[in-house]
Amino acid sequence: MWLFAMFDLPVTTSKARKDYTRFRKALLKLGFTMMQYSVYARYCGSQERANVLLKRAETAVPPGGQVRFLPVTDHQFGMMKVFFGKKRAPTEKPPDQLSLF
């Protein structure tokens, strides 16, 4: 299971930029990695783990802008087609094991 975080947050004021930075840092702290600008993903071993992670990520959502979370199965993720220009690149592989801290 993969959990995607996609967001469109305003950065027009100093406070909005700080909110954006806090949210981005919270996602990184939760183990998300940037796939594209404003699109982050995290591998979760199960639906239950994805739900727990989603609850934690929800607490960091800033008051302005739009944030979407999308759970995707390994099978669906594996069907993703990734291109760099016109050249196709391989889809990312899930980690071999989960790290526990």
PDB file of N, CA and C in Angstrom:
ATOM      1  N   MET A   1       0.851  -1.174   0.000  1.00  0.00           N
ATOM      2  CA  MET A   1       0.000   0.000   0.000  1.00  0.00           C
ATOM      3  C   MET A   1       0.897   1.237   0.000  1.00  0.00           C
ATOM      4  N   TRP A   2       0.553   2.187  -0.818  1.00  0.00           N
ATOM      5  CA  TRP A   2       1.241   3.474  -0.880  1.00  0.00           C
ATOM      6  C   TRP A   2       0.253   4.564  -0.491  1.00  0.00           C
ATOM      7  N   LEU A   3       0.729   5.593   0.187  1.00  0.00           N
ATOM      8  CA  LEU A   3      -0.106   6.735   0.541  1.00  0.00           C
ATOM      9  C   LEU A   3       0.493   7.972  -0.115  1.00  0.00           C
ATOM     10  N   PHE A   4      -0.294   8.603  -0.959  1.00  0.00           N
ATOM     11  CA  PHE A   4       0.131   9.824  -1.633  1.00  0.00           C
ATOM     12  C   PHE A   4      -0.439  11.040  -0.909  1.00  0.00           C
ATOM     13  N   ALA A   5       0.358  12.089  -0.812  1.00  0.00           N
ATOM     14  CA  ALA A   5      -0.091  13.388  -0.322  1.00  0.00           C
ATOM     15  C   ALA A   5       0.126  14.379  -1.459  1.00  0.00           C
ATOM     16  N   MET A   6      -0.954  14.989  -1.904  1.00  0.00           N
ATOM     17  CA  MET A   6      -0.893  15.966  -3.000  1.00  0.00           C
ATOM     18  C   MET A   6      -1.470  17.266  -2.473  1.00  0.00           C
ATOM     19  N   PHE A   7      -0.759  18.363  -2.699  1.00  0.00           N
ATOM     20  CA  PHE A   7      -1.240  19.602  -2.115  1.00  0.00           C
ATOM     21  C   PHE A   7      -0.962  20.810  -2.997  1.00  0.00           C
ATOM     22  N   ASP A   8      -1.807  21.803  -2.819  1.00  0.00           N
ATOM     23  CA  ASP A   8      -1.677  23.093  -3.480  1.00  0.00           C
ATOM     24  C   ASP A   8      -1.882  24.132  -2.385  1.00  0.00           C
ATOM     25  N   LEU A   9      -0.776  24.639  -1.857  1.00  0.00           N
ATOM     26  CA  LEU A   9      -0.846  25.563  -0.730  1.00  0.00           C
ATOM     27  C   LEU A   9      -0.372  26.946  -1.150  1.00  0.00           C
ATOM     28  N   PRO A  10      -1.039  27.983  -0.650  1.00  0.00           N
ATOM     29  CA  PRO A  10      -0.618  29.345  -1.003  1.00  0.00           C
ATOM     30  C   PRO A  10       0.721  29.689  -0.355  1.00  0.00           C
ATOM     31  N   VAL A  11       1.495  30.504  -1.047  1.00  0.00           N
ATOM     32  CA  VAL A  11       2.778  30.988  -0.514  1.00  0.00           C
ATOM     33  C   VAL A  11       2.893  32.487  -0.755  1.00  0.00           C
ATOM     34  N   THR A  12       1.749  33.168  -0.694  1.00  0.00           N
ATOM     35  CA  THR A  12       1.714  34.602  -1.018  1.00  0.00           C
ATOM     36  C   THR A  12       2.103  35.488   0.159  1.00  0.00           C
ATOM     37  N   THR A  13       1.997  34.989   1.370  1.00  0.00           N
ATOM     38  CA  THR A  13       2.372  35.779   2.544  1.00  0.00           C
ATOM     39  C   THR A  13       3.433  35.021   3.335  1.00  0.00           C
ATOM     40  N   SER A  14       4.048  35.722   4.258  1.00  0.00           N
ATOM     41  CA  SER A  14       5.077  35.105   5.094  1.00  0.00           C
ATOM     42  C   SER A  14       4.483  33.959   5.926  1.00  0.00           C
ATOM     43  N   LYS A  15       3.298  34.168   6.489  1.00  0.00           N
ATOM     44  CA  LYS A  15       2.649  33.124   7.284  1.00  0.00           C
ATOM     45  C   LYS A  15       2.307  31.913   6.427  1.00  0.00           C
ATOM     46  N   ALA A  16       1.810  32.148   5.218  1.00  0.00           N
ATOM     47  CA  ALA A  16       1.459  31.046   4.320  1.00  0.00           C
ATOM     48  C   ALA A  16       2.697  30.242   3.939  1.00  0.00           C
ATOM     49  N   ARG A  17       3.813  30.910   3.710  1.00  0.00           N
ATOM     50  CA  ARG A  17       5.063  30.202   3.394  1.00  0.00           C
ATOM     51  C   ARG A  17       5.519  29.349   4.575  1.00  0.00           C
ATOM     52  N   LYS A  18       5.360  29.873   5.787  1.00  0.00           N
ATOM     53  CA  LYS A  18       5.729  29.106   6.979  1.00  0.00           C
ATOM     54  C   LYS A  18       4.825  27.890   7.132  1.00  0.00           C
ATOM     55  N   ASP A  19       3.529  28.058   6.880  1.00  0.00           N
ATOM     56  CA  ASP A  19       2.596  26.932   6.940  1.00  0.00           C
ATOM     57  C   ASP A  19       2.978  25.862   5.918  1.00  0.00           C
ATOM     58  N   TYR A  20       3.324  26.290   4.701  1.00  0.00           N
ATOM     59  CA  TYR A  20       3.748  25.370   3.652  1.00  0.00           C
ATOM     60  C   TYR A  20       4.991  24.602   4.097  1.00  0.00           C
ATOM     61  N   THR A  21       5.972  25.319   4.632  1.00  0.00           N
ATOM     62  CA  THR A  21       7.227  24.695   5.068  1.00  0.00           C
ATOM     63  C   THR A  21       6.987  23.706   6.203  1.00  0.00           C
ATOM     64  N   ARG A  22       6.148  24.082   7.171  1.00  0.00           N
ATOM     65  CA  ARG A  22       5.833  23.182   8.288  1.00  0.00           C
ATOM     66  C   ARG A  22       5.175  21.894   7.785  1.00  0.00           C
ATOM     67  N   PHE A  23       4.239  22.037   6.857  1.00  0.00           N
ATOM     68  CA  PHE A  23       3.539  20.869   6.330  1.00  0.00           C
ATOM     69  C   PHE A  23       4.505  19.959   5.577  1.00  0.00           C
ATOM     70  N   ARG A  24       5.326  20.537   4.731  1.00  0.00           N
ATOM     71  CA  ARG A  24       6.303  19.756   3.967  1.00  0.00           C
ATOM     72  C   ARG A  24       7.271  19.030   4.901  1.00  0.00           C
ATOM     73  N   LYS A  25       7.761  19.720   5.923  1.00  0.00           N
ATOM     74  CA  LYS A  25       8.684  19.094   6.880  1.00  0.00           C
ATOM     75  C   LYS A  25       7.994  17.990   7.680  1.00  0.00           C
ATOM     76  N   ALA A  26       6.712  18.177   7.985  1.00  0.00           N
ATOM     77  CA  ALA A  26       5.958  17.145   8.701  1.00  0.00           C
ATOM     78  C   ALA A  26       5.842  15.888   7.841  1.00  0.00           C
ATOM     79  N   LEU A  27       5.586  16.054   6.544  1.00  0.00           N
ATOM     80  CA  LEU A  27       5.512  14.902   5.651  1.00  0.00           C
ATOM     81  C   LEU A  27       6.853  14.170   5.601  1.00  0.00           C
ATOM     82  N   LEU A  28       7.940  14.921   5.492  1.00  0.00           N
ATOM     83  CA  LEU A  28       9.267  14.308   5.454  1.00  0.00           C
ATOM     84  C   LEU A  28       9.565  13.566   6.752  1.00  0.00           C
ATOM     85  N   LYS A  29       9.169  14.151   7.877  1.00  0.00           N
ATOM     86  CA  LYS A  29       9.390  13.510   9.175  1.00  0.00           C
ATOM     87  C   LYS A  29       8.596  12.204   9.294  1.00  0.00           C
ATOM     88  N   LEU A  30       7.439  12.147   8.638  1.00  0.00           N
ATOM     89  CA  LEU A  30       6.611  10.945   8.649  1.00  0.00           C
ATOM     90  C   LEU A  30       7.106   9.898   7.646  1.00  0.00           C
ATOM     91  N   GLY A  31       8.165  10.222   6.909  1.00  0.00           N
ATOM     92  CA  GLY A  31       8.746   9.248   5.993  1.00  0.00           C
ATOM     93  C   GLY A  31       8.308   9.367   4.545  1.00  0.00           C
ATOM     94  N   PHE A  32       7.570  10.410   4.203  1.00  0.00           N
ATOM     95  CA  PHE A  32       7.183  10.628   2.817  1.00  0.00           C
ATOM     96  C   PHE A  32       8.403  11.093   2.020  1.00  0.00           C
ATOM     97  N   THR A  33       8.419  10.783   0.732  1.00  0.00           N
ATOM     98  CA  THR A  33       9.462  11.281  -0.154  1.00  0.00           C
ATOM     99  C   THR A  33       8.805  12.040  -1.302  1.00  0.00           C
ATOM    100  N   MET A  34       9.506  13.042  -1.793  1.00  0.00           N
ATOM    101  CA  MET A  34       8.960  13.856  -2.869  1.00  0.00           C
ATOM    102  C   MET A  34       9.048  13.091  -4.189  1.00  0.00           C
ATOM    103  N   MET A  35       7.911  12.944  -4.860  1.00  0.00           N
ATOM    104  CA  MET A  35       7.887  12.325  -6.182  1.00  0.00           C
ATOM    105  C   MET A  35       7.891  13.398  -7.257  1.00  0.00           C
ATOM    106  N   GLN A  36       7.173  14.479  -7.002  1.00  0.00           N
ATOM    107  CA  GLN A  36       7.138  15.658  -7.861  1.00  0.00           C
ATOM    108  C   GLN A  36       6.854  16.833  -6.933  1.00  0.00           C
ATOM    109  N   TYR A  37       6.959  18.047  -7.458  1.00  0.00           N
ATOM    110  CA  TYR A  37       6.617  19.194  -6.629  1.00  0.00           C
ATOM    111  C   TYR A  37       5.195  19.023  -6.113  1.00  0.00           C
ATOM    112  N   SER A  38       5.017  19.153  -4.836  1.00  0.00           N
ATOM    113  CA  SER A  38       3.723  19.063  -4.165  1.00  0.00           C
ATOM    114  C   SER A  38       3.064  17.693  -4.262  1.00  0.00           C
ATOM    115  N   VAL A  39       3.832  16.654  -4.592  1.00  0.00           N
ATOM    116  CA  VAL A  39       3.335  15.276  -4.585  1.00  0.00           C
ATOM    117  C   VAL A  39       4.350  14.428  -3.824  1.00  0.00           C
ATOM    118  N   TYR A  40       3.910  13.896  -2.692  1.00  0.00           N
ATOM    119  CA  TYR A  40       4.775  13.088  -1.836  1.00  0.00           C
ATOM    120  C   TYR A  40       4.143  11.716  -1.668  1.00  0.00           C
ATOM    121  N   ALA A  41       4.964  10.691  -1.462  1.00  0.00           N
ATOM    122  CA  ALA A  41       4.445   9.336  -1.311  1.00  0.00           C
ATOM    123  C   ALA A  41       5.201   8.617  -0.205  1.00  0.00           C
ATOM    124  N   ARG A  42       4.510   7.667   0.403  1.00  0.00           N
ATOM    125  CA  ARG A  42       5.108   6.856   1.467  1.00  0.00           C
ATOM    126  C   ARG A  42       4.586   5.433   1.332  1.00  0.00           C
ATOM    127  N   TYR A  43       5.489   4.465   1.403  1.00  0.00           N
ATOM    128  CA  TYR A  43       5.091   3.063   1.372  1.00  0.00           C
ATOM    129  C   TYR A  43       4.613   2.647   2.754  1.00  0.00           C
ATOM    130  N   CYS A  44       3.495   1.946   2.789  1.00  0.00           N
ATOM    131  CA  CYS A  44       2.934   1.420   4.043  1.00  0.00           C
ATOM    132  C   CYS A  44       2.727  -0.077   3.847  1.00  0.00           C
ATOM    133  N   GLY A  45       3.053  -0.848   4.838  1.00  0.00           N
ATOM    134  CA  GLY A  45       2.949  -2.291   4.731  1.00  0.00           C
ATOM    135  C   GLY A  45       1.533  -2.822   4.649  1.00  0.00           C
ATOM    136  N   SER A  46       0.548  -2.043   5.110  1.00  0.00           N
ATOM    137  CA  SER A  46      -0.833  -2.524   5.126  1.00  0.00           C
ATOM    138  C   SER A  46      -1.796  -1.337   5.116  1.00  0.00           C
ATOM    139  N   GLN A  47      -3.065  -1.651   4.916  1.00  0.00           N
ATOM    140  CA  GLN A  47      -4.108  -0.617   4.952  1.00  0.00           C
ATOM    141  C   GLN A  47      -4.197   0.006   6.345  1.00  0.00           C
ATOM    142  N   GLU A  48      -4.036  -0.816   7.377  1.00  0.00           N
ATOM    143  CA  GLU A  48      -4.105  -0.313   8.749  1.00  0.00           C
ATOM    144  C   GLU A  48      -2.974   0.688   9.011  1.00  0.00           C
ATOM    145  N   ARG A  49      -1.781   0.364   8.536  1.00  0.00           N
ATOM    146  CA  ARG A  49      -0.636   1.264   8.706  1.00  0.00           C
ATOM    147  C   ARG A  49      -0.873   2.555   7.935  1.00  0.00           C
ATOM    148  N   ALA A  50      -1.452   2.467   6.752  1.00  0.00           N
ATOM    149  CA  ALA A  50      -1.764   3.659   5.961  1.00  0.00           C
ATOM    150  C   ALA A  50      -2.771   4.543   6.695  1.00  0.00           C
ATOM    151  N   ASN A  51      -3.759   3.922   7.357  1.00  0.00           N
ATOM    152  CA  ASN A  51      -4.752   4.693   8.109  1.00  0.00           C
ATOM    153  C   ASN A  51      -4.118   5.439   9.269  1.00  0.00           C
ATOM    154  N   VAL A  52      -3.195   4.775   9.981  1.00  0.00           N
ATOM    155  CA  VAL A  52      -2.499   5.419  11.099  1.00  0.00           C
ATOM    156  C   VAL A  52      -1.668   6.597  10.594  1.00  0.00           C
ATOM    157  N   LEU A  53      -0.961   6.375   9.499  1.00  0.00           N
ATOM    158  CA  LEU A  53      -0.125   7.426   8.919  1.00  0.00           C
ATOM    159  C   LEU A  53      -0.980   8.598   8.445  1.00  0.00           C
ATOM    160  N   LEU A  54      -2.122   8.299   7.859  1.00  0.00           N
ATOM    161  CA  LEU A  54      -3.036   9.340   7.398  1.00  0.00           C
ATOM    162  C   LEU A  54      -3.510  10.200   8.564  1.00  0.00           C
ATOM    163  N   LYS A  55      -3.859   9.584   9.677  1.00  0.00           N
ATOM    164  CA  LYS A  55      -4.300  10.344  10.864  1.00  0.00           C
ATOM    165  C   LYS A  55      -3.204  11.287  11.335  1.00  0.00           C
ATOM    166  N   ARG A  56      -1.951  10.809  11.337  1.00  0.00           N
ATOM    167  CA  ARG A  56      -0.829  11.650  11.756  1.00  0.00           C
ATOM    168  C   ARG A  56      -0.606  12.800  10.787  1.00  0.00           C
ATOM    169  N   ALA A  57      -0.702  12.514   9.492  1.00  0.00           N
ATOM    170  CA  ALA A  57      -0.486  13.552   8.479  1.00  0.00           C
ATOM    171  C   ALA A  57      -1.598  14.597   8.514  1.00  0.00           C
ATOM    172  N   GLU A  58      -2.816  14.173   8.816  1.00  0.00           N
ATOM    173  CA  GLU A  58      -3.951  15.104   8.877  1.00  0.00           C
ATOM    174  C   GLU A  58      -3.725  16.202   9.907  1.00  0.00           C
ATOM    175  N   THR A  59      -3.035  15.892  10.993  1.00  0.00           N
ATOM    176  CA  THR A  59      -2.813  16.883  12.044  1.00  0.00           C
ATOM    177  C   THR A  59      -1.902  18.014  11.577  1.00  0.00           C
ATOM    178  N   ALA A  60      -1.127  17.785  10.518  1.00  0.00           N
ATOM    179  CA  ALA A  60      -0.191  18.792  10.020  1.00  0.00           C
ATOM    180  C   ALA A  60      -0.777  19.642   8.893  1.00  0.00           C
ATOM    181  N   VAL A  61      -1.984  19.334   8.449  1.00  0.00           N
ATOM    182  CA  VAL A  61      -2.574  20.079   7.330  1.00  0.00           C
ATOM    183  C   VAL A  61      -2.787  21.535   7.736  1.00  0.00           C
ATOM    184  N   PRO A  62      -2.254  22.481   6.930  1.00  0.00           N
ATOM    185  CA  PRO A  62      -2.412  23.895   7.253  1.00  0.00           C
ATOM    186  C   PRO A  62      -3.840  24.385   7.006  1.00  0.00           C
ATOM    187  N   PRO A  63      -4.191  25.551   7.567  1.00  0.00           N
ATOM    188  CA  PRO A  63      -5.560  26.046   7.446  1.00  0.00           C
ATOM    189  C   PRO A  63      -5.958  26.475   6.035  1.00  0.00           C
ATOM    190  N   GLY A  64      -4.993  26.922   5.215  1.00  0.00           N
ATOM    191  CA  GLY A  64      -5.313  27.380   3.863  1.00  0.00           C
ATOM    192  C   GLY A  64      -4.865  26.379   2.818  1.00  0.00           C
ATOM    193  N   GLY A  65      -5.392  26.531   1.605  1.00  0.00           N
ATOM    194  CA  GLY A  65      -4.978  25.674   0.510  1.00  0.00           C
ATOM    195  C   GLY A  65      -5.750  24.377   0.454  1.00  0.00           C
ATOM    196  N   GLN A  66      -5.246  23.461  -0.370  1.00  0.00           N
ATOM    197  CA  GLN A  66      -5.931  22.194  -0.588  1.00  0.00           C
ATOM    198  C   GLN A  66      -4.932  21.048  -0.459  1.00  0.00           C
ATOM    199  N   VAL A  67      -5.313  20.027   0.299  1.00  0.00           N
ATOM    200  CA  VAL A  67      -4.471  18.844   0.498  1.00  0.00           C
ATOM    201  C   VAL A  67      -5.334  17.621   0.235  1.00  0.00           C
ATOM    202  N   ARG A  68      -4.788  16.664  -0.518  1.00  0.00           N
ATOM    203  CA  ARG A  68      -5.487  15.404  -0.794  1.00  0.00           C
ATOM    204  C   ARG A  68      -4.567  14.254  -0.449  1.00  0.00           C
ATOM    205  N   PHE A  69      -5.128  13.228   0.177  1.00  0.00           N
ATOM    206  CA  PHE A  69      -4.404  12.001   0.476  1.00  0.00           C
ATOM    207  C   PHE A  69      -5.049  10.881  -0.329  1.00  0.00           C
ATOM    208  N   LEU A  70      -4.221  10.068  -0.963  1.00  0.00           N
ATOM    209  CA  LEU A  70      -4.727   9.005  -1.828  1.00  0.00           C
ATOM    210  C   LEU A  70      -4.008   7.701  -1.519  1.00  0.00           C
ATOM    211  N   PRO A  71      -4.722   6.700  -0.986  1.00  0.00           N
ATOM    212  CA  PRO A  71      -4.106   5.380  -0.806  1.00  0.00           C
ATOM    213  C   PRO A  71      -4.147   4.611  -2.124  1.00  0.00           C
ATOM    214  N   VAL A  72      -3.051   3.932  -2.442  1.00  0.00           N
ATOM    215  CA  VAL A  72      -2.927   3.185  -3.687  1.00  0.00           C
ATOM    216  C   VAL A  72      -2.306   1.828  -3.361  1.00  0.00           C
ATOM    217  N   THR A  73      -2.853   0.758  -3.921  1.00  0.00           N
ATOM    218  CA  THR A  73      -2.299  -0.569  -3.667  1.00  0.00           C
ATOM    219  C   THR A  73      -0.965  -0.728  -4.403  1.00  0.00           C
ATOM    220  N   ASP A  74      -0.176  -1.716  -3.978  1.00  0.00           N
ATOM    221  CA  ASP A  74       1.094  -2.012  -4.652  1.00  0.00           C
ATOM    222  C   ASP A  74       0.867  -2.322  -6.131  1.00  0.00           C
ATOM    223  N   HIS A  75      -0.188  -3.060  -6.407  1.00  0.00           N
ATOM    224  CA  HIS A  75      -0.484  -3.436  -7.791  1.00  0.00           C
ATOM    225  C   HIS A  75      -0.766  -2.191  -8.637  1.00  0.00           C
ATOM    226  N   GLN A  76      -1.596  -1.293  -8.114  1.00  0.00           N
ATOM    227  CA  GLN A  76      -1.900  -0.062  -8.837  1.00  0.00           C
ATOM    228  C   GLN A  76      -0.647   0.793  -9.009  1.00  0.00           C
ATOM    229  N   PHE A  77       0.155   0.885  -7.965  1.00  0.00           N
ATOM    230  CA  PHE A  77       1.387   1.663  -8.024  1.00  0.00           C
ATOM    231  C   PHE A  77       2.334   1.092  -9.080  1.00  0.00           C
ATOM    232  N   GLY A  78       2.408  -0.230  -9.167  1.00  0.00           N
ATOM    233  CA  GLY A  78       3.279  -0.884 -10.128  1.00  0.00           C
ATOM    234  C   GLY A  78       2.869  -0.651 -11.575  1.00  0.00           C
ATOM    235  N   MET A  79       1.606  -0.302 -11.804  1.00  0.00           N
ATOM    236  CA  MET A  79       1.136  -0.031 -13.170  1.00  0.00           C
ATOM    237  C   MET A  79       1.438   1.403 -13.611  1.00  0.00           C
ATOM    238  N   MET A  80       1.999   2.221 -12.714  1.00  0.00           N
ATOM    239  CA  MET A  80       2.317   3.599 -13.047  1.00  0.00           C
ATOM    240  C   MET A  80       3.371   3.633 -14.147  1.00  0.00           C
ATOM    241  N   LYS A  81       3.209   4.541 -15.091  1.00  0.00           N
ATOM    242  CA  LYS A  81       4.201   4.749 -16.136  1.00  0.00           C
ATOM    243  C   LYS A  81       4.909   6.061 -15.840  1.00  0.00           C
ATOM    244  N   VAL A  82       6.218   6.008 -15.755  1.00  0.00           N
ATOM    245  CA  VAL A  82       7.029   7.174 -15.409  1.00  0.00           C
ATOM    246  C   VAL A  82       7.874   7.540 -16.622  1.00  0.00           C
ATOM    247  N   PHE A  83       7.869   8.809 -16.995  1.00  0.00           N
ATOM    248  CA  PHE A  83       8.660   9.285 -18.124  1.00  0.00           C
ATOM    249  C   PHE A  83       9.529  10.459 -17.700  1.00  0.00           C
ATOM    250  N   PHE A  84      10.752  10.454 -18.166  1.00  0.00           N
ATOM    251  CA  PHE A  84      11.640  11.608 -18.059  1.00  0.00           C
ATOM    252  C   PHE A  84      11.811  12.089 -19.485  1.00  0.00           C
ATOM    253  N   GLY A  85      11.093  13.163 -19.843  1.00  0.00           N
ATOM    254  CA  GLY A  85      11.045  13.558 -21.249  1.00  0.00           C
ATOM    255  C   GLY A  85      10.267  12.486 -21.995  1.00  0.00           C
ATOM    256  N   LYS A  86      10.781  12.010 -23.106  1.00  0.00           N
ATOM    257  CA  LYS A  86      10.108  10.950 -23.863  1.00  0.00           C
ATOM    258  C   LYS A  86      10.604   9.561 -23.479  1.00  0.00           C
ATOM    259  N   LYS A  87      11.666   9.506 -22.641  1.00  0.00           N
ATOM    260  CA  LYS A  87      12.248   8.222 -22.252  1.00  0.00           C
ATOM    261  C   LYS A  87      11.528   7.670 -21.024  1.00  0.00           C
ATOM    262  N   ARG A  88      11.124   6.406 -21.085  1.00  0.00           N
ATOM    263  CA  ARG A  88      10.428   5.774 -19.960  1.00  0.00           C
ATOM    264  C   ARG A  88      11.433   5.346 -18.908  1.00  0.00           C
ATOM    265  N   ALA A  89      11.092   5.580 -17.666  1.00  0.00           N
ATOM    266  CA  ALA A  89      11.924   5.174 -16.530  1.00  0.00           C
ATOM    267  C   ALA A  89      11.186   4.106 -15.745  1.00  0.00           C
ATOM    268  N   PRO A  90      11.902   3.265 -15.016  1.00  0.00           N
ATOM    269  CA  PRO A  90      11.223   2.233 -14.218  1.00  0.00           C
ATOM    270  C   PRO A  90      10.470   2.846 -13.041  1.00  0.00           C
ATOM    271  N   THR A  91       9.385   2.191 -12.661  1.00  0.00           N
ATOM    272  CA  THR A  91       8.618   2.619 -11.495  1.00  0.00           C
ATOM    273  C   THR A  91       9.410   2.291 -10.234  1.00  0.00           C
ATOM    274  N   GLU A  92       9.311   3.154  -9.219  1.00  0.00           N
ATOM    275  CA  GLU A  92      10.010   2.923  -7.960  1.00  0.00           C
ATOM    276  C   GLU A  92       9.571   1.610  -7.349  1.00  0.00           C
ATOM    277  N   LYS A  93      10.488   0.946  -6.700  1.00  0.00           N
ATOM    278  CA  LYS A  93      10.191  -0.305  -6.006  1.00  0.00           C
ATOM    279  C   LYS A  93       9.912  -0.006  -4.542  1.00  0.00           C
ATOM    280  N   PRO A  94       9.016  -0.777  -3.910  1.00  0.00           N
ATOM    281  CA  PRO A  94       8.805  -0.587  -2.468  1.00  0.00           C
ATOM    282  C   PRO A  94      10.064  -0.977  -1.709  1.00  0.00           C
ATOM    283  N   PRO A  95      10.263  -0.409  -0.534  1.00  0.00           N
ATOM    284  CA  PRO A  95      11.443  -0.779   0.246  1.00  0.00           C
ATOM    285  C   PRO A  95      11.437  -2.263   0.590  1.00  0.00           C
ATOM    286  N   ASP A  96      12.641  -2.831   0.745  1.00  0.00           N
ATOM    287  CA  ASP A  96      12.749  -4.253   1.060  1.00  0.00           C
ATOM    288  C   ASP A  96      12.150  -4.584   2.414  1.00  0.00           C
ATOM    289  N   GLN A  97      12.316  -3.674   3.357  1.00  0.00           N
ATOM    290  CA  GLN A  97      11.743  -3.885   4.688  1.00  0.00           C
ATOM    291  C   GLN A  97      11.389  -2.543   5.280  1.00  0.00           C
ATOM    292  N   LEU A  98      10.490  -2.558   6.217  1.00  0.00           N
ATOM    293  CA  LEU A  98      10.097  -1.332   6.899  1.00  0.00           C
ATOM    294  C   LEU A  98      11.091  -1.043   8.011  1.00  0.00           C
ATOM    295  N   SER A  99      11.428   0.213   8.176  1.00  0.00           N
ATOM    296  CA  SER A  99      12.307   0.609   9.276  1.00  0.00           C
ATOM    297  C   SER A  99      11.470   0.967  10.479  1.00  0.00           C
ATOM    298  N   LEU A 100      11.800   0.431  11.612  1.00  0.00           N
ATOM    299  CA  LEU A 100      11.087   0.742  12.855  1.00  0.00           C
ATOM    300  C   LEU A 100      11.979   1.581  13.745  1.00  0.00           C
ATOM    301  N   PHE A 101      11.449   2.677  14.204  1.00  0.00           N
ATOM    302  CA  PHE A 101      12.222   3.574  15.074  1.00  0.00           C
ATOM    303  C   PHE A 101      11.616   3.619  16.446  1.00  0.00           C
TER     304      PHE A 101
END
